[in-house]
Amino acid sequence: MTGEAWQIIWFTAWASALATLLIIPPGLAIAWLLARRDWPGKSIVETLISLPLVIPPVATGLILLKLFGRRGPLGSFLENNLHLEIIFTWKAVLLSLMVMSFPLFVRSARAAMEGVNPRLEQIARTLGANGWRVFFTITAPLAMRGILAGVLLGFARALGEFGATIMVAGNIAGETTTISLSIYQSVQLGDDRAAWTMLGFSVTMAFAAVWTSEWLLRREKEKRS
């Protein structure tokens, strides 16, 4: 293992972890709205959130590229007002990982919240608890296993992200190269040994995350049955 390989593994791991942490607050808010509220256009929001799961990742990357590029509406705003450049930097890697992980986290958290008995929340409100207190003392604790499962699924999805990342971040050695991009590059160069090494790390980390997520979901089902 070279120093460059360890840097790629470390970068992928921390970028995936940070991306997963950053999607938790908005993901919980949207999951709660989808699980507990009805409003006009809800089905459209549900569809938009799920789109990254079904459209080609490179298509998602192209949308991000147009939005956050220097001439894009969000990219030009960030660069002109905050001097923040996104595309082809490590921040673009983070952005693509967040977008691709978000649907899995929201779907898992929503399912977990829908499994919480609404009567418990109503009783808490009748006793004077406000919405925030009901969420943090009733809804979130009872749905915690499902929420954690969603976190792990999102992390696993981020670890394996490729298509959107290469569109918005490219493959810049030492800055934006992730495990997936490294495997692709090694195969292109005919370096099978390096590709298999990276594949081993990728599968090991993803297996651990998905196995733990499935274990949490089984415990959640056992608790409800």
Foldseek 3Di string as FASTA:
>chain_A
DDPLLVLQAVLLQVLLLVLLVVLLVVLLVLLCCLQPHDDPCNVVVLCVLCVLVPDPLLVVLVVCCQCQPCPHPNVVCCCVPVVDHQFQFQNQLSVSLNSNLSSLLNVLLNVLLNLFDVVVLVVVVVVPDDPVCSCVPGRCVSSVLSNLLSSLSSSLRSLQDDNSQCSGRNDDRPTRHHLNNQLVVCVVVVNVVSNVVSVVSSCVSSVVSNVSSVVSVVVSVVVSD
